[in-house]
Amino acid sequence: MEAGEVISLVNTETRERILYPRDHAYDVDVEEETASLFHAIEVPADDADFDTALRKVGQCRLTVSNPVLKARLVSALETKI
């Protein structure tokens, strides 16, 4: 990894920016056709429309209301990134 290479992610709700060091060990080559299919997917911007689209394919949004469980889930996800 070259010094200074980072990936910047911005939370669209809070505008908080998180920087991750870029690790080229995770770089993969993706065929243009596969990339085109991925980019062609339309994701509804409105939460209600997003939830409706999820339900149409038999899925639902994950919600965790218990603060202890939520903290554990967030911590577990952060350590895997």
N, C-alpha and C. Protein backbone atom coordinates (compact mmCIF):
# COMPACT_ATOMS: atom_id res chain seq x y z
N MET A 1 0.85 -1.18 0.00
CA MET A 1 0.00 0.00 0.00
C MET A 1 0.90 1.24 0.00
N GLU A 2 0.56 2.15 -0.89
CA GLU A 2 1.32 3.39 -0.94
C GLU A 2 0.86 4.32 0.18
N ALA A 3 1.77 5.07 0.72
CA ALA A 3 1.44 5.98 1.81
C ALA A 3 0.38 6.97 1.37
N GLY A 4 -0.61 7.16 2.22
CA GLY A 4 -1.62 8.17 1.96
C GLY A 4 -2.83 7.70 1.20
N GLU A 5 -2.85 6.46 0.69
CA GLU A 5 -4.02 6.00 -0.04
C GLU A 5 -5.13 5.62 0.95
N VAL A 6 -6.29 6.25 0.77
CA VAL A 6 -7.42 5.99 1.65
C VAL A 6 -8.71 5.89 0.83
N ILE A 7 -9.70 5.25 1.43
CA ILE A 7 -11.04 5.21 0.88
C ILE A 7 -11.90 6.05 1.81
N SER A 8 -12.65 6.98 1.24
CA SER A 8 -13.49 7.88 2.02
C SER A 8 -14.94 7.51 1.82
N LEU A 9 -15.65 7.23 2.92
CA LEU A 9 -17.08 6.95 2.89
C LEU A 9 -17.79 8.05 3.67
N VAL A 10 -18.92 8.52 3.12
CA VAL A 10 -19.68 9.58 3.77
C VAL A 10 -21.07 9.06 4.09
N ASN A 11 -21.47 9.22 5.35
CA ASN A 11 -22.82 8.87 5.77
C ASN A 11 -23.75 9.96 5.24
N THR A 12 -24.72 9.55 4.38
CA THR A 12 -25.58 10.55 3.75
C THR A 12 -26.52 11.24 4.73
N GLU A 13 -26.80 10.60 5.86
CA GLU A 13 -27.69 11.22 6.84
C GLU A 13 -26.97 12.20 7.75
N THR A 14 -25.82 11.78 8.28
CA THR A 14 -25.12 12.62 9.25
C THR A 14 -24.01 13.46 8.60
N ARG A 15 -23.69 13.14 7.37
CA ARG A 15 -22.58 13.80 6.64
C ARG A 15 -21.22 13.49 7.27
N GLU A 16 -21.18 12.53 8.18
CA GLU A 16 -19.93 12.13 8.81
C GLU A 16 -19.07 11.39 7.79
N ARG A 17 -17.80 11.70 7.74
CA ARG A 17 -16.88 11.08 6.81
C ARG A 17 -15.97 10.12 7.58
N ILE A 18 -15.79 8.92 7.02
CA ILE A 18 -14.92 7.92 7.63
C ILE A 18 -13.85 7.55 6.60
N LEU A 19 -12.62 7.54 7.03
CA LEU A 19 -11.51 7.19 6.15
C LEU A 19 -10.95 5.82 6.53
N TYR A 20 -10.76 4.99 5.50
CA TYR A 20 -10.17 3.67 5.70
C TYR A 20 -8.90 3.58 4.87
N PRO A 21 -7.84 2.97 5.41
CA PRO A 21 -6.65 2.79 4.58
C PRO A 21 -6.97 1.83 3.43
N ARG A 22 -6.46 2.13 2.24
CA ARG A 22 -6.72 1.25 1.09
C ARG A 22 -5.74 0.10 1.13
N ASP A 23 -6.26 -1.10 1.05
CA ASP A 23 -5.44 -2.31 1.06
C ASP A 23 -5.62 -3.01 -0.29
N HIS A 24 -4.56 -2.97 -1.10
CA HIS A 24 -4.64 -3.54 -2.45
C HIS A 24 -4.80 -5.06 -2.44
N ALA A 25 -4.65 -5.70 -1.30
CA ALA A 25 -4.87 -7.15 -1.22
C ALA A 25 -6.34 -7.47 -1.51
N TYR A 26 -7.22 -6.49 -1.35
CA TYR A 26 -8.65 -6.71 -1.58
C TYR A 26 -9.11 -6.23 -2.95
N ASP A 27 -8.21 -5.72 -3.77
CA ASP A 27 -8.57 -5.30 -5.12
C ASP A 27 -8.90 -6.52 -5.97
N VAL A 28 -9.96 -6.43 -6.74
CA VAL A 28 -10.36 -7.52 -7.63
C VAL A 28 -10.68 -6.95 -9.01
N ASP A 29 -10.47 -7.78 -10.03
CA ASP A 29 -10.85 -7.40 -11.38
C ASP A 29 -12.28 -7.85 -11.61
N VAL A 30 -13.10 -6.94 -12.11
CA VAL A 30 -14.50 -7.24 -12.39
C VAL A 30 -14.73 -6.99 -13.88
N GLU A 31 -15.38 -7.95 -14.53
CA GLU A 31 -15.66 -7.78 -15.95
C GLU A 31 -16.59 -6.59 -16.15
N GLU A 32 -16.43 -5.90 -17.26
CA GLU A 32 -17.24 -4.71 -17.55
C GLU A 32 -18.72 -5.05 -17.56
N GLU A 33 -19.09 -6.20 -18.09
CA GLU A 33 -20.50 -6.59 -18.13
C GLU A 33 -21.08 -6.71 -16.72
N THR A 34 -20.32 -7.31 -15.80
CA THR A 34 -20.77 -7.44 -14.42
C THR A 34 -20.91 -6.07 -13.77
N ALA A 35 -19.93 -5.21 -13.99
CA ALA A 35 -19.98 -3.86 -13.43
C ALA A 35 -21.18 -3.09 -13.97
N SER A 36 -21.47 -3.25 -15.26
CA SER A 36 -22.61 -2.57 -15.87
C SER A 36 -23.92 -3.03 -15.25
N LEU A 37 -24.05 -4.34 -15.00
CA LEU A 37 -25.26 -4.86 -14.38
C LEU A 37 -25.44 -4.27 -12.98
N PHE A 38 -24.34 -4.20 -12.22
CA PHE A 38 -24.39 -3.64 -10.87
C PHE A 38 -24.82 -2.18 -10.90
N HIS A 39 -24.22 -1.39 -11.79
CA HIS A 39 -24.51 0.04 -11.85
C HIS A 39 -25.89 0.33 -12.42
N ALA A 40 -26.49 -0.64 -13.10
CA ALA A 40 -27.81 -0.44 -13.69
C ALA A 40 -28.93 -0.62 -12.66
N ILE A 41 -28.61 -1.15 -11.49
CA ILE A 41 -29.62 -1.37 -10.46
C ILE A 41 -30.06 -0.02 -9.89
N GLU A 42 -31.36 0.21 -9.90
CA GLU A 42 -31.89 1.45 -9.35
C GLU A 42 -32.29 1.23 -7.90
N VAL A 43 -31.73 2.03 -7.01
CA VAL A 43 -32.04 1.95 -5.58
C VAL A 43 -32.87 3.18 -5.22
N PRO A 44 -34.10 2.96 -4.74
CA PRO A 44 -34.95 4.10 -4.38
C PRO A 44 -34.29 4.98 -3.31
N ALA A 45 -34.35 6.28 -3.52
CA ALA A 45 -33.75 7.21 -2.57
C ALA A 45 -34.64 7.41 -1.34
N ASP A 46 -35.94 7.33 -1.53
CA ASP A 46 -36.88 7.52 -0.44
C ASP A 46 -36.97 6.25 0.40
N ASP A 47 -36.90 6.38 1.73
CA ASP A 47 -36.93 5.21 2.62
C ASP A 47 -38.17 4.36 2.43
N ALA A 48 -39.33 4.99 2.27
CA ALA A 48 -40.57 4.23 2.11
C ALA A 48 -40.55 3.42 0.82
N ASP A 49 -40.06 4.03 -0.26
CA ASP A 49 -39.95 3.32 -1.53
C ASP A 49 -38.93 2.19 -1.45
N PHE A 50 -37.85 2.43 -0.71
CA PHE A 50 -36.81 1.41 -0.52
C PHE A 50 -37.39 0.20 0.22
N ASP A 51 -38.14 0.47 1.29
CA ASP A 51 -38.76 -0.61 2.05
C ASP A 51 -39.76 -1.38 1.20
N THR A 52 -40.53 -0.68 0.38
CA THR A 52 -41.50 -1.33 -0.51
C THR A 52 -40.77 -2.24 -1.50
N ALA A 53 -39.67 -1.76 -2.06
CA ALA A 53 -38.90 -2.56 -3.02
C ALA A 53 -38.33 -3.80 -2.34
N LEU A 54 -37.87 -3.67 -1.10
CA LEU A 54 -37.36 -4.83 -0.36
C LEU A 54 -38.47 -5.87 -0.14
N ARG A 55 -39.64 -5.40 0.27
CA ARG A 55 -40.76 -6.32 0.52
C ARG A 55 -41.17 -7.05 -0.75
N LYS A 56 -41.09 -6.39 -1.90
CA LYS A 56 -41.46 -7.03 -3.17
C LYS A 56 -40.60 -8.25 -3.48
N VAL A 57 -39.37 -8.25 -2.97
CA VAL A 57 -38.48 -9.40 -3.21
C VAL A 57 -38.34 -10.26 -1.95
N GLY A 58 -39.26 -10.06 -1.00
CA GLY A 58 -39.29 -10.92 0.19
C GLY A 58 -38.24 -10.61 1.23
N GLN A 59 -37.73 -9.39 1.25
CA GLN A 59 -36.71 -8.99 2.22
C GLN A 59 -37.25 -7.87 3.10
N CYS A 60 -36.51 -7.54 4.15
CA CYS A 60 -36.88 -6.40 4.98
C CYS A 60 -35.61 -5.75 5.51
N ARG A 61 -35.76 -4.52 5.94
CA ARG A 61 -34.64 -3.76 6.50
C ARG A 61 -34.34 -4.29 7.90
N LEU A 62 -33.06 -4.44 8.21
CA LEU A 62 -32.66 -4.90 9.55
C LEU A 62 -32.73 -3.72 10.51
N THR A 63 -33.48 -3.90 11.59
CA THR A 63 -33.53 -2.89 12.63
C THR A 63 -33.24 -3.55 13.97
N VAL A 64 -32.45 -2.88 14.76
CA VAL A 64 -32.11 -3.37 16.09
C VAL A 64 -32.42 -2.25 17.07
N SER A 65 -33.43 -2.46 17.92
CA SER A 65 -33.82 -1.41 18.85
C SER A 65 -33.12 -1.53 20.20
N ASN A 66 -32.68 -2.73 20.56
CA ASN A 66 -31.99 -2.92 21.83
C ASN A 66 -30.61 -2.28 21.74
N PRO A 67 -30.30 -1.26 22.56
CA PRO A 67 -29.02 -0.55 22.44
C PRO A 67 -27.81 -1.43 22.69
N VAL A 68 -27.93 -2.42 23.57
CA VAL A 68 -26.78 -3.30 23.84
C VAL A 68 -26.50 -4.17 22.62
N LEU A 69 -27.56 -4.75 22.06
CA LEU A 69 -27.38 -5.58 20.87
C LEU A 69 -26.89 -4.75 19.69
N LYS A 70 -27.42 -3.54 19.56
CA LYS A 70 -27.00 -2.66 18.48
C LYS A 70 -25.51 -2.34 18.59
N ALA A 71 -25.04 -2.04 19.79
CA ALA A 71 -23.62 -1.74 20.00
C ALA A 71 -22.75 -2.94 19.66
N ARG A 72 -23.20 -4.13 20.05
CA ARG A 72 -22.44 -5.35 19.74
C ARG A 72 -22.39 -5.60 18.23
N LEU A 73 -23.51 -5.38 17.55
CA LEU A 73 -23.57 -5.58 16.11
C LEU A 73 -22.65 -4.60 15.40
N VAL A 74 -22.72 -3.33 15.77
CA VAL A 74 -21.87 -2.32 15.17
C VAL A 74 -20.40 -2.64 15.41
N SER A 75 -20.06 -3.05 16.61
CA SER A 75 -18.69 -3.39 16.95
C SER A 75 -18.22 -4.59 16.11
N ALA A 76 -19.05 -5.60 15.98
CA ALA A 76 -18.69 -6.78 15.19
C ALA A 76 -18.48 -6.43 13.73
N LEU A 77 -19.33 -5.57 13.19
CA LEU A 77 -19.19 -5.17 11.79
C LEU A 77 -17.93 -4.33 11.59
N GLU A 78 -17.62 -3.47 12.52
CA GLU A 78 -16.44 -2.62 12.40
C GLU A 78 -15.15 -3.43 12.43
N THR A 79 -15.11 -4.49 13.23
CA THR A 79 -13.89 -5.29 13.31
C THR A 79 -13.67 -6.13 12.07
N LYS A 80 -14.73 -6.40 11.29
CA LYS A 80 -14.58 -7.19 10.06
C LYS A 80 -14.21 -6.35 8.87
N ILE A 81 -14.35 -5.03 8.97
CA ILE A 81 -14.03 -4.14 7.83
C ILE A 81 -12.56 -3.91 7.77
